[in-house]
Amino acid sequence: MSNQAIALDSLGELGAGNFTFSERVNYLKEFGSHSQAFSTLQPDMQYFDIRGVGYIAYMRKWGRIFVLSDPVCAPHNFELMLTRFHNRYPHANHVQVTKTVVDILHRRFGMYGTQFGSESRIALKDWSLSGKKKQVLRTALNQAEKQGVTVRESFSDDHTREISEAWIKTRKCKSNEIRFLIRPMEMGYKENERHFYAYQNGEAVGFIYFDPIYYKNEIISYVPNISRASANFKQGLFYTIMAHAMDVFKQEGVPYLDLGLIPLMLSADDEVQEAKLLKKMLRLVYAKGNFLYNFKGLEFTKTRFRGVVEKTYCCHHKATPLLEFFCMFKLTRLF
């Protein structure tokens, strides 16, 4: 066994499945092309493994099972993984999955697949700050420069917890950090995680943690999963750190930058497998529920980068899965 494998297994984060942690990481690096694949290694996850194929990551809460992201396996094995998983856990719900997974679950098990947000991906080879629609980014960068803000990558803990706790106090949801859909800030497994900090007068005023996205053992993208800024700093610090990191990734030859989930950014049309009443309710939460969570602000921020937008879905068995959605929101601490 390699030294790396021994180090990985020593983390003590083995799930309920058959794989060792180092084996699970190998599957992640081969097939972890979903924006939430890295987050499947967060604490408290359980796993359904098929040796030689891949794994499905899920969490149990309040007698229910919530699956996070697409299966971590080759796309041509999605149906195999999902069929075997649902034969064992027929009442499981899926969160933040692609249309490919939706189509399989709808066809084989009659499940609904309802859009609950969007994701955005940027091709870095074409990335630049030029264009009228990116004026807000250029304005933020100019303001940061005038205030003496600099950005650099750092692997030291530069007042991270203090910045994070102060930041949370300024949020609409102050009691806890969002979990499940956003992995914890501190994880035992950190390989290829990237940290970029903004500094003003030598003091850290904000940071973004980027998680790797893999395909065939190569990093094809990063996703900003944890971002925080000093409560004393004006809006726009996120843009400044992001622009710097994107330039670094572009120079390294990384093909893409994913922006992750934009919750409740919904399309105007309804698809045949969607629960129409639920979709209507989600639109209402987006329109009237900004006091609960800053849905509109997050959408505005992420869409300034002008990435290619794709829908992301939740899969459920009932047309109006109110209890399941309540449990999901409690699980994620979104509300």
Protein backbone atom coordinates (compact mmCIF):
# COMPACT_ATOMS: atom_id res chain seq x y z
CA MET A 1 0.00 0.00 0.00
CA SER A 2 1.29 3.46 -0.88
CA ASN A 3 2.11 6.10 1.73
CA GLN A 4 -0.77 8.20 0.37
CA ALA A 5 -3.24 5.34 0.80
CA ILE A 6 -2.06 4.75 4.36
CA ALA A 7 -2.45 8.46 5.13
CA LEU A 8 -5.94 8.55 3.68
CA ASP A 9 -7.12 5.50 5.60
CA SER A 10 -5.75 6.98 8.82
CA LEU A 11 -8.31 9.81 8.61
CA GLY A 12 -10.94 7.54 10.07
CA GLU A 13 -13.65 8.76 7.68
CA LEU A 14 -14.63 5.33 6.32
CA GLY A 15 -18.28 5.22 5.36
CA ALA A 16 -20.79 2.41 5.75
CA GLY A 17 -19.90 0.99 2.34
CA ASN A 18 -17.28 -1.53 1.31
CA PHE A 19 -14.57 0.81 0.02
CA THR A 20 -11.66 2.04 2.07
CA PHE A 21 -11.31 5.80 2.12
CA SER A 22 -8.35 5.70 -0.25
CA GLU A 23 -10.37 3.57 -2.70
CA ARG A 24 -13.22 6.07 -2.50
CA VAL A 25 -10.83 8.90 -3.30
CA ASN A 26 -9.67 6.95 -6.35
CA TYR A 27 -13.27 6.77 -7.61
CA LEU A 28 -13.68 10.48 -6.91
CA LYS A 29 -10.63 11.34 -9.01
CA GLU A 30 -11.76 9.10 -11.85
CA PHE A 31 -15.46 10.04 -11.95
CA GLY A 32 -16.00 13.08 -9.69
CA SER A 33 -17.13 15.48 -12.42
CA HIS A 34 -20.22 16.74 -10.56
CA SER A 35 -19.82 20.05 -8.73
CA GLN A 36 -20.74 18.35 -5.44
CA ALA A 37 -18.58 15.24 -5.87
CA PHE A 38 -15.86 16.49 -3.49
CA SER A 39 -18.59 17.28 -0.93
CA THR A 40 -19.61 13.61 -0.88
CA LEU A 41 -16.56 13.08 1.36
CA GLN A 42 -17.87 15.40 4.09
CA PRO A 43 -18.43 14.00 7.61
CA ASP A 44 -21.62 12.06 8.46
CA MET A 45 -22.12 10.76 4.92
CA GLN A 46 -22.90 7.10 4.27
CA TYR A 47 -22.15 5.20 1.08
CA PHE A 48 -23.60 2.63 -1.24
CA ASP A 49 -20.68 1.02 -3.05
CA ILE A 50 -20.40 -1.25 -6.05
CA ARG A 51 -16.86 -2.49 -6.42
CA GLY A 52 -15.42 -1.79 -9.86
CA VAL A 53 -18.20 0.73 -10.58
CA GLY A 54 -18.44 3.56 -8.02
CA TYR A 55 -20.48 4.87 -5.11
CA ILE A 56 -23.54 6.88 -4.11
CA ALA A 57 -23.26 9.22 -1.10
CA TYR A 58 -26.21 9.87 1.17
CA MET A 59 -27.17 11.11 4.61
CA ARG A 60 -29.82 9.75 6.98
CA LYS A 61 -31.90 12.22 8.98
CA TRP A 62 -35.28 11.86 10.70
CA GLY A 63 -35.86 8.43 9.20
CA ARG A 64 -35.25 9.67 5.66
CA ILE A 65 -32.45 9.28 3.17
CA PHE A 66 -31.08 12.21 1.15
CA VAL A 67 -28.65 11.48 -1.67
CA LEU A 68 -26.19 14.22 -2.61
CA SER A 69 -25.15 14.71 -6.26
CA ASP A 70 -24.98 12.28 -9.16
CA PRO A 71 -23.46 8.85 -8.54
CA VAL A 72 -19.69 8.95 -8.51
CA CYS A 73 -19.16 6.54 -11.38
CA ALA A 74 -19.02 6.54 -15.17
CA PRO A 75 -22.24 7.99 -16.68
CA HIS A 76 -22.99 4.74 -18.49
CA ASN A 77 -23.19 3.07 -15.05
CA PHE A 78 -25.66 5.60 -13.56
CA GLU A 79 -28.63 3.35 -14.25
CA LEU A 80 -26.96 0.32 -12.68
CA MET A 81 -25.99 2.28 -9.55
CA LEU A 82 -29.36 3.99 -9.16
CA THR A 83 -31.36 0.81 -9.76
CA ARG A 84 -29.46 -1.21 -7.19
CA PHE A 85 -29.53 1.67 -4.72
CA HIS A 86 -33.31 2.12 -5.00
CA ASN A 87 -33.92 -1.59 -4.74
CA ARG A 88 -32.32 -1.30 -1.30
CA TYR A 89 -33.60 2.18 -0.36
CA PRO A 90 -36.85 2.64 -2.30
CA HIS A 91 -37.93 5.83 -0.50
CA ALA A 92 -34.69 7.81 -0.90
CA ASN A 93 -34.74 11.40 -2.14
CA HIS A 94 -32.03 12.95 -4.34
CA VAL A 95 -30.69 16.51 -4.06
CA GLN A 96 -28.74 18.53 -6.64
CA VAL A 97 -28.66 16.02 -9.49
CA THR A 98 -28.48 16.42 -13.26
CA LYS A 99 -31.17 15.75 -15.85
CA THR A 100 -29.53 12.42 -16.71
CA VAL A 101 -30.25 11.14 -13.19
CA VAL A 102 -33.75 12.62 -13.26
CA ASP A 103 -34.62 10.81 -16.49
CA ILE A 104 -33.45 7.44 -15.10
CA LEU A 105 -35.34 7.79 -11.81
CA HIS A 106 -38.49 9.02 -13.55
CA ARG A 107 -38.47 6.21 -16.12
CA ARG A 108 -37.55 3.33 -13.79
CA PHE A 109 -39.23 4.35 -10.52
CA GLY A 110 -41.82 6.95 -11.48
CA MET A 111 -40.11 9.61 -9.37
CA TYR A 112 -40.63 13.31 -9.87
CA GLY A 113 -37.63 15.39 -10.85
CA THR A 114 -38.26 19.04 -9.99
CA GLN A 115 -35.83 21.86 -10.62
CA PHE A 116 -34.81 23.54 -7.38
CA GLY A 117 -31.98 25.69 -8.70
CA SER A 118 -29.32 26.17 -11.32
CA GLU A 119 -25.56 25.82 -11.72
CA SER A 120 -23.15 27.83 -13.84
CA ARG A 121 -19.88 26.86 -15.57
CA ILE A 122 -17.27 29.16 -17.12
CA ALA A 123 -14.83 28.08 -19.83
CA LEU A 124 -11.60 29.67 -18.57
CA LYS A 125 -9.90 29.80 -21.96
CA ASP A 126 -12.55 32.33 -23.01
CA TRP A 127 -12.66 34.13 -19.67
CA SER A 128 -11.98 37.86 -19.46
CA LEU A 129 -13.30 40.87 -17.58
CA SER A 130 -14.24 42.70 -20.77
CA GLY A 131 -17.81 43.36 -21.83
CA LYS A 132 -20.60 45.63 -20.68
CA LYS A 133 -22.31 42.91 -18.64
CA LYS A 134 -19.20 42.47 -16.45
CA GLN A 135 -18.99 46.11 -15.43
CA VAL A 136 -19.96 45.25 -11.85
CA LEU A 137 -16.91 42.96 -11.62
CA ARG A 138 -14.55 45.62 -12.93
CA THR A 139 -16.02 48.18 -10.53
CA ALA A 140 -15.46 45.84 -7.58
CA LEU A 141 -11.85 45.19 -8.62
CA ASN A 142 -11.15 48.90 -9.04
CA GLN A 143 -12.60 49.67 -5.61
CA ALA A 144 -10.53 46.91 -4.02
CA GLU A 145 -7.36 48.23 -5.66
CA LYS A 146 -8.05 51.76 -4.40
CA GLN A 147 -8.46 50.39 -0.89
CA GLY A 148 -5.15 48.55 -1.05
CA VAL A 149 -6.62 45.05 -1.23
CA THR A 150 -4.37 42.29 -2.54
CA VAL A 151 -5.16 38.62 -3.15
CA ARG A 152 -2.89 35.62 -2.88
CA GLU A 153 -3.13 31.89 -2.33
CA SER A 154 -2.35 30.78 1.21
CA PHE A 155 -2.35 27.49 3.06
CA SER A 156 -2.15 28.95 6.55
CA ASP A 157 -5.15 29.58 8.79
CA ASP A 158 -5.24 33.37 8.49
CA HIS A 159 -7.92 34.35 11.04
CA THR A 160 -10.29 32.09 9.12
CA ARG A 161 -12.61 31.29 12.00
CA GLU A 162 -12.83 34.90 13.19
CA ILE A 163 -13.72 36.13 9.70
CA SER A 164 -16.26 33.35 9.28
CA GLU A 165 -18.01 33.96 12.60
CA ALA A 166 -18.22 37.71 11.97
CA TRP A 167 -19.54 37.05 8.46
CA ILE A 168 -22.26 34.68 9.69
CA LYS A 169 -23.60 37.37 12.01
CA THR A 170 -24.34 39.55 8.98
CA ARG A 171 -26.35 36.82 7.19
CA LYS A 172 -30.10 36.34 7.16
CA CYS A 173 -29.56 32.82 8.51
CA LYS A 174 -27.32 33.45 11.53
CA SER A 175 -27.70 30.36 13.69
CA ASN A 176 -25.54 27.90 11.76
CA GLU A 177 -23.48 27.44 8.63
CA ILE A 178 -25.30 25.75 5.77
CA ARG A 179 -24.36 22.09 5.57
CA PHE A 180 -24.85 19.09 3.28
CA LEU A 181 -25.26 21.23 0.12
CA ILE A 182 -22.13 23.09 1.24
CA ARG A 183 -19.55 20.86 2.86
CA PRO A 184 -18.10 21.95 6.24
CA MET A 185 -15.29 24.48 6.20
CA GLU A 186 -13.04 22.03 8.03
CA MET A 187 -12.72 18.56 6.56
CA GLY A 188 -10.20 15.84 7.33
CA TYR A 189 -9.59 15.32 3.61
CA LYS A 190 -8.09 18.40 1.92
CA GLU A 191 -6.16 17.09 -1.09
CA ASN A 192 -6.13 19.64 -3.96
CA GLU A 193 -8.30 22.07 -2.01
CA ARG A 194 -7.23 25.65 -2.82
CA HIS A 195 -7.46 28.68 -0.50
CA PHE A 196 -7.28 32.29 -1.69
CA TYR A 197 -7.23 35.20 0.77
CA ALA A 198 -7.77 38.92 0.36
CA TYR A 199 -5.56 41.21 2.48
CA GLN A 200 -5.87 44.85 3.45
CA ASN A 201 -3.02 46.52 5.34
CA GLY A 202 -1.51 43.08 5.86
CA GLU A 203 -4.64 41.69 7.53
CA ALA A 204 -6.86 38.99 6.02
CA VAL A 205 -10.32 40.41 5.25
CA GLY A 206 -11.85 37.55 3.26
CA PHE A 207 -11.24 34.17 1.68
CA ILE A 208 -12.62 31.57 -0.70
CA TYR A 209 -12.02 27.82 -0.51
CA PHE A 210 -12.11 26.06 -3.87
CA ASP A 211 -12.79 22.34 -4.22
CA PRO A 212 -11.47 20.30 -7.16
CA ILE A 213 -13.68 18.70 -9.80
CA TYR A 214 -12.18 15.65 -11.50
CA TYR A 215 -12.43 13.65 -14.68
CA LYS A 216 -10.15 10.70 -15.48
CA ASN A 217 -7.71 11.65 -12.71
CA GLU A 218 -7.30 15.20 -13.95
CA ILE A 219 -8.61 18.38 -12.33
CA ILE A 220 -11.00 19.85 -14.90
CA SER A 221 -12.51 22.59 -12.74
CA TYR A 222 -12.73 24.17 -9.32
CA VAL A 223 -15.85 25.25 -7.45
CA PRO A 224 -15.92 27.97 -4.73
CA ASN A 225 -17.60 26.07 -1.91
CA ILE A 226 -16.72 28.27 1.09
CA SER A 227 -16.54 32.07 0.86
CA ARG A 228 -16.35 34.62 3.65
CA ALA A 229 -15.61 38.33 3.93
CA SER A 230 -15.01 40.72 6.81
CA ALA A 231 -18.21 42.37 7.98
CA ASN A 232 -16.39 45.71 7.77
CA PHE A 233 -15.61 45.36 4.08
CA LYS A 234 -17.93 46.66 1.39
CA GLN A 235 -19.63 44.37 -1.10
CA GLY A 236 -17.55 43.12 -4.00
CA LEU A 237 -14.73 41.31 -2.22
CA PHE A 238 -16.04 37.99 -3.59
CA TYR A 239 -15.58 39.29 -7.13
CA THR A 240 -12.02 40.37 -6.38
CA ILE A 241 -10.91 37.02 -4.97
CA MET A 242 -12.73 35.11 -7.70
CA ALA A 243 -11.14 37.09 -10.52
CA HIS A 244 -7.66 36.52 -9.11
CA ALA A 245 -8.22 32.78 -8.60
CA MET A 246 -9.71 32.38 -12.07
CA ASP A 247 -6.63 33.97 -13.61
CA VAL A 248 -4.42 31.55 -11.66
CA PHE A 249 -6.47 28.53 -12.74
CA LYS A 250 -6.49 29.74 -16.34
CA GLN A 251 -2.70 30.06 -16.34
CA GLU A 252 -2.45 26.53 -14.93
CA GLY A 253 -4.49 25.21 -17.84
CA VAL A 254 -7.58 24.26 -15.84
CA PRO A 255 -10.43 24.13 -18.40
CA TYR A 256 -13.38 25.33 -16.31
CA LEU A 257 -14.56 27.15 -13.22
CA ASP A 258 -17.89 26.02 -11.73
CA LEU A 259 -19.92 28.39 -9.56
CA GLY A 260 -21.95 25.73 -7.78
CA LEU A 261 -25.57 25.86 -6.74
CA ILE A 262 -27.75 28.93 -7.30
CA PRO A 263 -30.78 27.90 -5.19
CA LEU A 264 -34.26 28.64 -6.55
CA MET A 265 -32.95 30.16 -9.80
CA LEU A 266 -35.72 28.49 -11.80
CA SER A 267 -36.65 28.42 -15.47
CA ALA A 268 -40.00 29.79 -16.62
CA ASP A 269 -41.06 26.52 -18.26
CA ASP A 270 -42.15 23.29 -16.58
CA GLU A 271 -40.97 19.83 -17.63
CA VAL A 272 -43.18 16.76 -17.82
CA GLN A 273 -41.57 14.99 -14.86
CA GLU A 274 -41.71 18.00 -12.54
CA ALA A 275 -44.20 18.38 -9.70
CA LYS A 276 -46.05 21.47 -10.89
CA LEU A 277 -47.46 22.55 -7.51
CA LEU A 278 -44.07 22.15 -5.86
CA LYS A 279 -42.42 24.20 -8.62
CA LYS A 280 -45.02 26.91 -8.09
CA MET A 281 -44.32 26.90 -4.35
CA LEU A 282 -40.56 27.17 -4.93
CA ARG A 283 -41.13 30.17 -7.21
CA LEU A 284 -43.20 31.74 -4.44
CA VAL A 285 -40.42 31.16 -1.89
CA TYR A 286 -37.97 32.83 -4.27
CA ALA A 287 -40.29 35.81 -4.79
CA LYS A 288 -41.33 36.33 -1.15
CA GLY A 289 -38.76 34.49 0.97
CA ASN A 290 -35.63 36.60 0.59
CA PHE A 291 -35.89 37.42 4.30
CA LEU A 292 -35.13 33.74 4.97
CA TYR A 293 -32.15 33.46 2.64
CA ASN A 294 -30.62 35.87 0.14
CA PHE A 295 -31.69 33.93 -2.95
CA LYS A 296 -31.84 36.98 -5.21
CA GLY A 297 -28.51 38.38 -4.07
CA LEU A 298 -26.72 35.08 -4.64
CA GLU A 299 -28.25 34.77 -8.10
CA PHE A 300 -27.19 38.32 -8.98
CA THR A 301 -23.63 37.69 -7.77
CA LYS A 302 -23.07 34.43 -9.63
CA THR A 303 -24.74 35.47 -12.87
CA ARG A 304 -22.36 38.45 -13.18
CA PHE A 305 -19.72 35.98 -14.39
CA ARG A 306 -21.82 35.14 -17.45
CA GLY A 307 -21.29 31.37 -17.29
CA VAL A 308 -23.28 28.68 -19.07
CA VAL A 309 -26.31 27.91 -16.89
CA GLU A 310 -27.71 24.40 -16.38
CA LYS A 311 -30.67 23.26 -14.30
CA THR A 312 -30.19 21.18 -11.16
CA TYR A 313 -32.95 19.03 -9.68
CA CYS A 314 -34.28 17.22 -6.66
CA CYS A 315 -35.94 13.82 -7.12
CA HIS A 316 -38.84 12.78 -4.90
CA HIS A 317 -41.75 10.31 -4.82
CA LYS A 318 -44.68 12.55 -3.84
CA ALA A 319 -46.18 15.33 -5.93
CA THR A 320 -46.12 17.64 -2.91
CA PRO A 321 -43.26 16.36 -0.74
CA LEU A 322 -43.72 19.02 1.93
CA LEU A 323 -42.39 16.93 4.81
CA GLU A 324 -39.40 15.79 2.76
CA PHE A 325 -38.60 19.37 1.77
CA PHE A 326 -38.99 20.57 5.35
CA CYS A 327 -36.54 17.86 6.45
CA MET A 328 -34.16 18.80 3.63
CA PHE A 329 -34.20 22.46 4.62
CA LYS A 330 -33.60 21.49 8.25
CA LEU A 331 -30.79 19.19 7.14
CA THR A 332 -29.10 21.92 5.12
CA ARG A 333 -29.95 24.62 7.72
CA LEU A 334 -31.02 26.76 4.77
CA PHE A 335 -34.02 28.09 6.72
